[in-house]
Amino acid sequence: MIKKIEGLENNQNLEELELYDNRIRVIENISHLTGLVYLDLSFNRIKVIEGLDTLVNLRKLYLVSNRIKKIEGLNTLVNLEILDLGDNRIRKLENLEA
């Protein structure tokens, strides 16, 4: 089980990253992965959507079954086509302006 995102320093050209079904609590150490197109962090323990500001090429983001309460931190993801936040603790749809 992975508890922390780390060890990706030499993977700047990475386009897809799947770290689902782990024990990750914080989205961190991926800001340098600017070529990332697909990110799946579903089934973890993430509470806040953060650390994604530089991932402007991201098209698919999966954060299913985490502990997220508020939709935030997505403003710079201008190429995002798919966002899945199912089975979280979100009570109000907000901050999803195109």
PDB file of N, CA and C in Angstrom:
ATOM      1  N   MET A   1       0.827  -1.192   0.000  1.00  0.00           N
ATOM      2  CA  MET A   1       0.000   0.000   0.000  1.00  0.00           C
ATOM      3  C   MET A   1       0.869   1.254   0.000  1.00  0.00           C
ATOM      4  N   ILE A   2       0.575   2.146  -0.891  1.00  0.00           N
ATOM      5  CA  ILE A   2       1.306   3.409  -0.986  1.00  0.00           C
ATOM      6  C   ILE A   2       0.623   4.439  -0.093  1.00  0.00           C
ATOM      7  N   LYS A   3       1.398   5.111   0.747  1.00  0.00           N
ATOM      8  CA  LYS A   3       0.855   6.129   1.647  1.00  0.00           C
ATOM      9  C   LYS A   3       1.200   7.539   1.198  1.00  0.00           C
ATOM     10  N   LYS A   4       2.230   7.664   0.385  1.00  0.00           N
ATOM     11  CA  LYS A   4       2.696   8.978  -0.039  1.00  0.00           C
ATOM     12  C   LYS A   4       3.171   8.912  -1.483  1.00  0.00           C
ATOM     13  N   ILE A   5       2.828   9.941  -2.277  1.00  0.00           N
ATOM     14  CA  ILE A   5       3.296  10.015  -3.654  1.00  0.00           C
ATOM     15  C   ILE A   5       4.731  10.531  -3.625  1.00  0.00           C
ATOM     16  N   GLU A   6       5.659   9.699  -4.073  1.00  0.00           N
ATOM     17  CA  GLU A   6       7.062  10.105  -4.094  1.00  0.00           C
ATOM     18  C   GLU A   6       7.840   9.243  -5.082  1.00  0.00           C
ATOM     19  N   GLY A   7       9.048   9.681  -5.397  1.00  0.00           N
ATOM     20  CA  GLY A   7       9.910   8.906  -6.286  1.00  0.00           C
ATOM     21  C   GLY A   7       9.640   9.090  -7.762  1.00  0.00           C
ATOM     22  N   LEU A   8       8.947  10.148  -8.130  1.00  0.00           N
ATOM     23  CA  LEU A   8       8.621  10.377  -9.543  1.00  0.00           C
ATOM     24  C   LEU A   8       9.445  11.512 -10.153  1.00  0.00           C
ATOM     25  N   GLU A   9      10.509  11.916  -9.491  1.00  0.00           N
ATOM     26  CA  GLU A   9      11.315  13.057  -9.924  1.00  0.00           C
ATOM     27  C   GLU A   9      11.872  12.891 -11.333  1.00  0.00           C
ATOM     28  N   ASN A  10      12.196  11.697 -11.730  1.00  0.00           N
ATOM     29  CA  ASN A  10      12.814  11.454 -13.033  1.00  0.00           C
ATOM     30  C   ASN A  10      11.809  11.030 -14.106  1.00  0.00           C
ATOM     31  N   ASN A  11      10.554  11.309 -13.884  1.00  0.00           N
ATOM     32  CA  ASN A  11       9.506  10.891 -14.818  1.00  0.00           C
ATOM     33  C   ASN A  11       8.756  12.086 -15.411  1.00  0.00           C
ATOM     34  N   GLN A  12       9.477  13.118 -15.829  1.00  0.00           N
ATOM     35  CA  GLN A  12       8.850  14.331 -16.342  1.00  0.00           C
ATOM     36  C   GLN A  12       7.973  14.094 -17.563  1.00  0.00           C
ATOM     37  N   ASN A  13       8.247  13.064 -18.344  1.00  0.00           N
ATOM     38  CA  ASN A  13       7.491  12.793 -19.570  1.00  0.00           C
ATOM     39  C   ASN A  13       6.302  11.862 -19.357  1.00  0.00           C
ATOM     40  N   LEU A  14       6.024  11.538 -18.133  1.00  0.00           N
ATOM     41  CA  LEU A  14       4.911  10.639 -17.806  1.00  0.00           C
ATOM     42  C   LEU A  14       3.581  11.236 -18.267  1.00  0.00           C
ATOM     43  N   GLU A  15       2.759  10.445 -18.948  1.00  0.00           N
ATOM     44  CA  GLU A  15       1.461  10.915 -19.430  1.00  0.00           C
ATOM     45  C   GLU A  15       0.304  10.311 -18.650  1.00  0.00           C
ATOM     46  N   GLU A  16       0.497   9.128 -18.085  1.00  0.00           N
ATOM     47  CA  GLU A  16      -0.557   8.458 -17.326  1.00  0.00           C
ATOM     48  C   GLU A  16      -0.014   8.012 -15.973  1.00  0.00           C
ATOM     49  N   LEU A  17      -0.821   8.237 -14.930  1.00  0.00           N
ATOM     50  CA  LEU A  17      -0.419   7.828 -13.595  1.00  0.00           C
ATOM     51  C   LEU A  17      -1.632   7.258 -12.870  1.00  0.00           C
ATOM     52  N   GLU A  18      -1.535   6.005 -12.478  1.00  0.00           N
ATOM     53  CA  GLU A  18      -2.616   5.327 -11.749  1.00  0.00           C
ATOM     54  C   GLU A  18      -2.093   4.917 -10.371  1.00  0.00           C
ATOM     55  N   LEU A  19      -2.639   5.518  -9.340  1.00  0.00           N
ATOM     56  CA  LEU A  19      -2.276   5.182  -7.966  1.00  0.00           C
ATOM     57  C   LEU A  19      -3.544   4.925  -7.151  1.00  0.00           C
ATOM     58  N   TYR A  20      -4.504   4.279  -7.766  1.00  0.00           N
ATOM     59  CA  TYR A  20      -5.770   4.008  -7.095  1.00  0.00           C
ATOM     60  C   TYR A  20      -5.636   2.861  -6.096  1.00  0.00           C
ATOM     61  N   ASP A  21      -6.555   2.843  -5.152  1.00  0.00           N
ATOM     62  CA  ASP A  21      -6.649   1.793  -4.136  1.00  0.00           C
ATOM     63  C   ASP A  21      -5.394   1.708  -3.263  1.00  0.00           C
ATOM     64  N   ASN A  22      -5.059   2.852  -2.661  1.00  0.00           N
ATOM     65  CA  ASN A  22      -3.918   2.931  -1.757  1.00  0.00           C
ATOM     66  C   ASN A  22      -4.339   3.690  -0.498  1.00  0.00           C
ATOM     67  N   ARG A  23      -3.379   4.255   0.193  1.00  0.00           N
ATOM     68  CA  ARG A  23      -3.673   5.015   1.415  1.00  0.00           C
ATOM     69  C   ARG A  23      -3.126   6.433   1.335  1.00  0.00           C
ATOM     70  N   ILE A  24      -3.130   6.988   0.143  1.00  0.00           N
ATOM     71  CA  ILE A  24      -2.621   8.340  -0.087  1.00  0.00           C
ATOM     72  C   ILE A  24      -3.581   9.346   0.542  1.00  0.00           C
ATOM     73  N   ARG A  25      -3.041  10.292   1.307  1.00  0.00           N
ATOM     74  CA  ARG A  25      -3.845  11.311   1.977  1.00  0.00           C
ATOM     75  C   ARG A  25      -3.722  12.692   1.330  1.00  0.00           C
ATOM     76  N   VAL A  26      -2.592  12.937   0.664  1.00  0.00           N
ATOM     77  CA  VAL A  26      -2.310  14.255   0.100  1.00  0.00           C
ATOM     78  C   VAL A  26      -1.820  14.112  -1.342  1.00  0.00           C
ATOM     79  N   ILE A  27      -2.340  14.976  -2.220  1.00  0.00           N
ATOM     80  CA  ILE A  27      -1.853  15.018  -3.596  1.00  0.00           C
ATOM     81  C   ILE A  27      -0.601  15.896  -3.574  1.00  0.00           C
ATOM     82  N   GLU A  28       0.558  15.270  -3.738  1.00  0.00           N
ATOM     83  CA  GLU A  28       1.819  16.012  -3.636  1.00  0.00           C
ATOM     84  C   GLU A  28       2.881  15.385  -4.531  1.00  0.00           C
ATOM     85  N   ASN A  29       3.937  16.148  -4.758  1.00  0.00           N
ATOM     86  CA  ASN A  29       5.107  15.676  -5.506  1.00  0.00           C
ATOM     87  C   ASN A  29       4.823  15.272  -6.948  1.00  0.00           C
ATOM     88  N   ILE A  30       3.792  15.873  -7.554  1.00  0.00           N
ATOM     89  CA  ILE A  30       3.526  15.585  -8.973  1.00  0.00           C
ATOM     90  C   ILE A  30       3.455  16.864  -9.808  1.00  0.00           C
ATOM     91  N   SER A  31       3.731  18.009  -9.217  1.00  0.00           N
ATOM     92  CA  SER A  31       3.607  19.282  -9.930  1.00  0.00           C
ATOM     93  C   SER A  31       4.545  19.384 -11.134  1.00  0.00           C
ATOM     94  N   HIS A  32       5.632  18.626 -11.141  1.00  0.00           N
ATOM     95  CA  HIS A  32       6.581  18.643 -12.261  1.00  0.00           C
ATOM     96  C   HIS A  32       6.130  17.752 -13.428  1.00  0.00           C
ATOM     97  N   LEU A  33       5.068  16.997 -13.241  1.00  0.00           N
ATOM     98  CA  LEU A  33       4.569  16.093 -14.290  1.00  0.00           C
ATOM     99  C   LEU A  33       3.603  16.837 -15.216  1.00  0.00           C
ATOM    100  N   THR A  34       4.097  17.887 -15.851  1.00  0.00           N
ATOM    101  CA  THR A  34       3.243  18.773 -16.650  1.00  0.00           C
ATOM    102  C   THR A  34       2.691  18.124 -17.914  1.00  0.00           C
ATOM    103  N   GLY A  35       3.244  16.993 -18.337  1.00  0.00           N
ATOM    104  CA  GLY A  35       2.732  16.282 -19.507  1.00  0.00           C
ATOM    105  C   GLY A  35       1.645  15.275 -19.176  1.00  0.00           C
ATOM    106  N   LEU A  36       1.305  15.190 -17.905  1.00  0.00           N
ATOM    107  CA  LEU A  36       0.301  14.224 -17.458  1.00  0.00           C
ATOM    108  C   LEU A  36      -1.052  14.502 -18.111  1.00  0.00           C
ATOM    109  N   VAL A  37      -1.646  13.474 -18.710  1.00  0.00           N
ATOM    110  CA  VAL A  37      -2.931  13.576 -19.389  1.00  0.00           C
ATOM    111  C   VAL A  37      -4.008  12.824 -18.598  1.00  0.00           C
ATOM    112  N   TYR A  38      -3.609  11.778 -17.900  1.00  0.00           N
ATOM    113  CA  TYR A  38      -4.533  10.892 -17.185  1.00  0.00           C
ATOM    114  C   TYR A  38      -4.014  10.672 -15.761  1.00  0.00           C
ATOM    115  N   LEU A  39      -4.864  10.950 -14.775  1.00  0.00           N
ATOM    116  CA  LEU A  39      -4.477  10.750 -13.383  1.00  0.00           C
ATOM    117  C   LEU A  39      -5.622  10.071 -12.638  1.00  0.00           C
ATOM    118  N   ASP A  40      -5.330   8.937 -12.028  1.00  0.00           N
ATOM    119  CA  ASP A  40      -6.335   8.205 -11.252  1.00  0.00           C
ATOM    120  C   ASP A  40      -5.826   8.004  -9.825  1.00  0.00           C
ATOM    121  N   LEU A  41      -6.464   8.717  -8.907  1.00  0.00           N
ATOM    122  CA  LEU A  41      -6.154   8.610  -7.478  1.00  0.00           C
ATOM    123  C   LEU A  41      -7.390   8.138  -6.711  1.00  0.00           C
ATOM    124  N   SER A  42      -8.215   7.356  -7.359  1.00  0.00           N
ATOM    125  CA  SER A  42      -9.436   6.844  -6.740  1.00  0.00           C
ATOM    126  C   SER A  42      -9.117   5.870  -5.607  1.00  0.00           C
ATOM    127  N   PHE A  43     -10.059   5.706  -4.712  1.00  0.00           N
ATOM    128  CA  PHE A  43      -9.964   4.753  -3.596  1.00  0.00           C
ATOM    129  C   PHE A  43      -8.713   4.988  -2.737  1.00  0.00           C
ATOM    130  N   ASN A  44      -8.554   6.235  -2.300  1.00  0.00           N
ATOM    131  CA  ASN A  44      -7.484   6.616  -1.398  1.00  0.00           C
ATOM    132  C   ASN A  44      -8.106   7.325  -0.199  1.00  0.00           C
ATOM    133  N   ARG A  45      -7.357   8.166   0.469  1.00  0.00           N
ATOM    134  CA  ARG A  45      -7.846   8.882   1.658  1.00  0.00           C
ATOM    135  C   ARG A  45      -7.658  10.389   1.515  1.00  0.00           C
ATOM    136  N   ILE A  46      -7.741  10.869   0.297  1.00  0.00           N
ATOM    137  CA  ILE A  46      -7.521  12.281  -0.014  1.00  0.00           C
ATOM    138  C   ILE A  46      -8.692  13.120   0.477  1.00  0.00           C
ATOM    139  N   LYS A  47      -8.382  14.228   1.161  1.00  0.00           N
ATOM    140  CA  LYS A  47      -9.416  15.110   1.703  1.00  0.00           C
ATOM    141  C   LYS A  47      -9.559  16.408   0.911  1.00  0.00           C
ATOM    142  N   VAL A  48      -8.468  16.845   0.277  1.00  0.00           N
ATOM    143  CA  VAL A  48      -8.462  18.131  -0.424  1.00  0.00           C
ATOM    144  C   VAL A  48      -7.893  17.960  -1.828  1.00  0.00           C
ATOM    145  N   ILE A  49      -8.558  18.583  -2.800  1.00  0.00           N
ATOM    146  CA  ILE A  49      -8.028  18.599  -4.163  1.00  0.00           C
ATOM    147  C   ILE A  49      -7.010  19.727  -4.221  1.00  0.00           C
ATOM    148  N   GLU A  50      -5.735  19.364  -4.327  1.00  0.00           N
ATOM    149  CA  GLU A  50      -4.660  20.348  -4.333  1.00  0.00           C
ATOM    150  C   GLU A  50      -3.465  19.796  -5.090  1.00  0.00           C
ATOM    151  N   GLY A  51      -2.500  20.666  -5.388  1.00  0.00           N
ATOM    152  CA  GLY A  51      -1.269  20.226  -6.026  1.00  0.00           C
ATOM    153  C   GLY A  51      -1.392  19.903  -7.497  1.00  0.00           C
ATOM    154  N   LEU A  52      -2.465  20.356  -8.130  1.00  0.00           N
ATOM    155  CA  LEU A  52      -2.697  20.043  -9.542  1.00  0.00           C
ATOM    156  C   LEU A  52      -2.519  21.257 -10.449  1.00  0.00           C
ATOM    157  N   ASP A  53      -2.190  22.408  -9.890  1.00  0.00           N
ATOM    158  CA  ASP A  53      -2.140  23.674 -10.628  1.00  0.00           C
ATOM    159  C   ASP A  53      -1.302  23.643 -11.900  1.00  0.00           C
ATOM    160  N   THR A  54      -0.191  22.942 -11.892  1.00  0.00           N
ATOM    161  CA  THR A  54       0.713  22.932 -13.046  1.00  0.00           C
ATOM    162  C   THR A  54       0.368  21.860 -14.083  1.00  0.00           C
ATOM    163  N   LEU A  55      -0.608  21.036 -13.799  1.00  0.00           N
ATOM    164  CA  LEU A  55      -0.958  19.927 -14.701  1.00  0.00           C
ATOM    165  C   LEU A  55      -1.963  20.383 -15.757  1.00  0.00           C
ATOM    166  N   VAL A  56      -1.590  21.394 -16.522  1.00  0.00           N
ATOM    167  CA  VAL A  56      -2.500  22.023 -17.479  1.00  0.00           C
ATOM    168  C   VAL A  56      -2.879  21.119 -18.653  1.00  0.00           C
ATOM    169  N   ASN A  57      -2.155  20.040 -18.873  1.00  0.00           N
ATOM    170  CA  ASN A  57      -2.485  19.110 -19.960  1.00  0.00           C
ATOM    171  C   ASN A  57      -3.400  17.976 -19.525  1.00  0.00           C
ATOM    172  N   LEU A  58      -3.756  17.966 -18.263  1.00  0.00           N
ATOM    173  CA  LEU A  58      -4.584  16.897 -17.723  1.00  0.00           C
ATOM    174  C   LEU A  58      -5.962  16.885 -18.386  1.00  0.00           C
ATOM    175  N   ARG A  59      -6.352  15.716 -18.917  1.00  0.00           N
ATOM    176  CA  ARG A  59      -7.648  15.575 -19.581  1.00  0.00           C
ATOM    177  C   ARG A  59      -8.618  14.711 -18.774  1.00  0.00           C
ATOM    178  N   LYS A  60      -8.076  13.754 -18.031  1.00  0.00           N
ATOM    179  CA  LYS A  60      -8.921  12.838 -17.269  1.00  0.00           C
ATOM    180  C   LYS A  60      -8.420  12.768 -15.830  1.00  0.00           C
ATOM    181  N   LEU A  61      -9.329  13.074 -14.898  1.00  0.00           N
ATOM    182  CA  LEU A  61      -8.980  13.063 -13.482  1.00  0.00           C
ATOM    183  C   LEU A  61     -10.020  12.255 -12.717  1.00  0.00           C
ATOM    184  N   TYR A  62      -9.561  11.207 -12.069  1.00  0.00           N
ATOM    185  CA  TYR A  62     -10.434  10.328 -11.296  1.00  0.00           C
ATOM    186  C   TYR A  62     -10.039  10.397  -9.825  1.00  0.00           C
ATOM    187  N   LEU A  63     -10.994  10.840  -9.001  1.00  0.00           N
ATOM    188  CA  LEU A  63     -10.787  10.943  -7.553  1.00  0.00           C
ATOM    189  C   LEU A  63     -11.952  10.267  -6.826  1.00  0.00           C
ATOM    190  N   VAL A  64     -12.417   9.171  -7.355  1.00  0.00           N
ATOM    191  CA  VAL A  64     -13.560   8.435  -6.826  1.00  0.00           C
ATOM    192  C   VAL A  64     -13.221   7.840  -5.453  1.00  0.00           C
ATOM    193  N   SER A  65     -14.198   7.804  -4.571  1.00  0.00           N
ATOM    194  CA  SER A  65     -14.077   7.146  -3.261  1.00  0.00           C
ATOM    195  C   SER A  65     -12.883   7.631  -2.440  1.00  0.00           C
ATOM    196  N   ASN A  66     -12.862   8.930  -2.202  1.00  0.00           N
ATOM    197  CA  ASN A  66     -11.892   9.526  -1.306  1.00  0.00           C
ATOM    198  C   ASN A  66     -12.671  10.189  -0.167  1.00  0.00           C
ATOM    199  N   ARG A  67     -12.110  11.194   0.449  1.00  0.00           N
ATOM    200  CA  ARG A  67     -12.764  11.888   1.566  1.00  0.00           C
ATOM    201  C   ARG A  67     -12.918  13.373   1.276  1.00  0.00           C
ATOM    202  N   ILE A  68     -13.091  13.692   0.010  1.00  0.00           N
ATOM    203  CA  ILE A  68     -13.167  15.075  -0.451  1.00  0.00           C
ATOM    204  C   ILE A  68     -14.527  15.664  -0.090  1.00  0.00           C
ATOM    205  N   LYS A  69     -14.507  16.876   0.501  1.00  0.00           N
ATOM    206  CA  LYS A  69     -15.739  17.550   0.916  1.00  0.00           C
ATOM    207  C   LYS A  69     -16.090  18.721   0.009  1.00  0.00           C
ATOM    208  N   LYS A  70     -15.080  19.274  -0.668  1.00  0.00           N
ATOM    209  CA  LYS A  70     -15.297  20.488  -1.455  1.00  0.00           C
ATOM    210  C   LYS A  70     -14.583  20.382  -2.800  1.00  0.00           C
ATOM    211  N   ILE A  71     -15.259  20.823  -3.862  1.00  0.00           N
ATOM    212  CA  ILE A  71     -14.653  20.863  -5.187  1.00  0.00           C
ATOM    213  C   ILE A  71     -13.839  22.148  -5.273  1.00  0.00           C
ATOM    214  N   GLU A  72     -12.532  22.003  -5.423  1.00  0.00           N
ATOM    215  CA  GLU A  72     -11.636  23.154  -5.498  1.00  0.00           C
ATOM    216  C   GLU A  72     -10.332  22.731  -6.163  1.00  0.00           C
ATOM    217  N   GLY A  73      -9.475  23.702  -6.486  1.00  0.00           N
ATOM    218  CA  GLY A  73      -8.166  23.405  -7.035  1.00  0.00           C
ATOM    219  C   GLY A  73      -8.161  22.929  -8.469  1.00  0.00           C
ATOM    220  N   LEU A  74      -9.218  23.229  -9.212  1.00  0.00           N
ATOM    221  CA  LEU A  74      -9.321  22.751 -10.595  1.00  0.00           C
ATOM    222  C   LEU A  74      -9.239  23.883 -11.622  1.00  0.00           C
ATOM    223  N   ASN A  75      -9.094  25.121 -11.178  1.00  0.00           N
ATOM    224  CA  ASN A  75      -9.166  26.290 -12.059  1.00  0.00           C
ATOM    225  C   ASN A  75      -8.178  26.276 -13.209  1.00  0.00           C
ATOM    226  N   THR A  76      -6.982  25.771 -13.013  1.00  0.00           N
ATOM    227  CA  THR A  76      -5.962  25.797 -14.066  1.00  0.00           C
ATOM    228  C   THR A  76      -6.043  24.601 -15.011  1.00  0.00           C
ATOM    229  N   LEU A  77      -6.924  23.680 -14.740  1.00  0.00           N
ATOM    230  CA  LEU A  77      -7.037  22.469 -15.569  1.00  0.00           C
ATOM    231  C   LEU A  77      -7.956  22.736 -16.759  1.00  0.00           C
ATOM    232  N   VAL A  78      -7.497  23.591 -17.658  1.00  0.00           N
ATOM    233  CA  VAL A  78      -8.315  24.069 -18.777  1.00  0.00           C
ATOM    234  C   VAL A  78      -8.601  23.002 -19.828  1.00  0.00           C
ATOM    235  N   ASN A  79      -7.830  21.930 -19.857  1.00  0.00           N
ATOM    236  CA  ASN A  79      -8.038  20.855 -20.837  1.00  0.00           C
ATOM    237  C   ASN A  79      -8.798  19.663 -20.262  1.00  0.00           C
ATOM    238  N   LEU A  80      -9.261  19.786 -19.038  1.00  0.00           N
ATOM    239  CA  LEU A  80      -9.952  18.682 -18.373  1.00  0.00           C
ATOM    240  C   LEU A  80     -11.256  18.339 -19.100  1.00  0.00           C
ATOM    241  N   GLU A  81     -11.386  17.091 -19.505  1.00  0.00           N
ATOM    242  CA  GLU A  81     -12.576  16.606 -20.201  1.00  0.00           C
ATOM    243  C   GLU A  81     -13.412  15.699 -19.310  1.00  0.00           C
ATOM    244  N   ILE A  82     -12.744  14.923 -18.477  1.00  0.00           N
ATOM    245  CA  ILE A  82     -13.440  13.985 -17.595  1.00  0.00           C
ATOM    246  C   ILE A  82     -12.993  14.219 -16.156  1.00  0.00           C
ATOM    247  N   LEU A  83     -13.961  14.435 -15.285  1.00  0.00           N
ATOM    248  CA  LEU A  83     -13.714  14.592 -13.855  1.00  0.00           C
ATOM    249  C   LEU A  83     -14.690  13.688 -13.127  1.00  0.00           C
ATOM    250  N   ASP A  84     -14.178  12.724 -12.375  1.00  0.00           N
ATOM    251  CA  ASP A  84     -15.037  11.802 -11.632  1.00  0.00           C
ATOM    252  C   ASP A  84     -14.736  11.936 -10.144  1.00  0.00           C
ATOM    253  N   LEU A  85     -15.706  12.463  -9.418  1.00  0.00           N
ATOM    254  CA  LEU A  85     -15.591  12.671  -7.977  1.00  0.00           C
ATOM    255  C   LEU A  85     -16.641  11.859  -7.224  1.00  0.00           C
ATOM    256  N   GLY A  86     -17.127  10.802  -7.842  1.00  0.00           N
ATOM    257  CA  GLY A  86     -18.167   9.983  -7.225  1.00  0.00           C
ATOM    258  C   GLY A  86     -17.750   9.385  -5.892  1.00  0.00           C
ATOM    259  N   ASP A  87     -18.715   9.164  -5.037  1.00  0.00           N
ATOM    260  CA  ASP A  87     -18.522   8.525  -3.742  1.00  0.00           C
ATOM    261  C   ASP A  87     -17.499   9.256  -2.867  1.00  0.00           C
ATOM    262  N   ASN A  88     -17.718  10.567  -2.718  1.00  0.00           N
ATOM    263  CA  ASN A  88     -16.933  11.395  -1.820  1.00  0.00           C
ATOM    264  C   ASN A  88     -17.895  12.026  -0.814  1.00  0.00           C
ATOM    265  N   ARG A  89     -17.470  13.048  -0.139  1.00  0.00           N
ATOM    266  CA  ARG A  89     -18.302  13.711   0.881  1.00  0.00           C
ATOM    267  C   ARG A  89     -18.754  15.086   0.422  1.00  0.00           C
ATOM    268  N   ILE A  90     -18.876  15.255  -0.880  1.00  0.00           N
ATOM    269  CA  ILE A  90     -19.276  16.531  -1.475  1.00  0.00           C
ATOM    270  C   ILE A  90     -20.786  16.704  -1.335  1.00  0.00           C
ATOM    271  N   ARG A  91     -21.197  17.837  -0.768  1.00  0.00           N
ATOM    272  CA  ARG A  91     -22.616  18.118  -0.563  1.00  0.00           C
ATOM    273  C   ARG A  91     -23.137  19.216  -1.482  1.00  0.00           C
ATOM    274  N   LYS A  92     -22.228  19.978  -2.093  1.00  0.00           N
ATOM    275  CA  LYS A  92     -22.628  21.119  -2.911  1.00  0.00           C
ATOM    276  C   LYS A  92     -21.754  21.174  -4.148  1.00  0.00           C
ATOM    277  N   LEU A  93     -22.398  21.292  -5.322  1.00  0.00           N
ATOM    278  CA  LEU A  93     -21.646  21.439  -6.580  1.00  0.00           C
ATOM    279  C   LEU A  93     -21.264  22.899  -6.747  1.00  0.00           C
ATOM    280  N   GLU A  94     -19.956  23.153  -6.740  1.00  0.00           N
ATOM    281  CA  GLU A  94     -19.457  24.513  -6.898  1.00  0.00           C
ATOM    282  C   GLU A  94     -18.065  24.481  -7.512  1.00  0.00           C
ATOM    283  N   ASN A  95     -17.620  25.648  -7.979  1.00  0.00           N
ATOM    284  CA  ASN A  95     -16.277  25.809  -8.564  1.00  0.00           C
ATOM    285  C   ASN A  95     -16.050  24.940  -9.794  1.00  0.00           C
ATOM    286  N   LEU A  96     -17.101  24.768 -10.597  1.00  0.00           N
ATOM    287  CA  LEU A  96     -16.989  23.966 -11.821  1.00  0.00           C
ATOM    288  C   LEU A  96     -17.229  24.808 -13.081  1.00  0.00           C
ATOM    289  N   GLU A  97     -16.978  26.106 -12.993  1.00  0.00           N
ATOM    290  CA  GLU A  97     -17.197  26.977 -14.139  1.00  0.00           C
ATOM    291  C   GLU A  97     -16.250  26.605 -15.271  1.00  0.00           C
ATOM    292  N   ALA A  98     -16.759  26.644 -16.483  1.00  0.00           N
ATOM    293  CA  ALA A  98     -15.944  26.283 -17.666  1.00  0.00           C
ATOM    294  C   ALA A  98     -15.078  27.432 -18.093  1.00  0.00           C
TER     295      ALA A  98
END
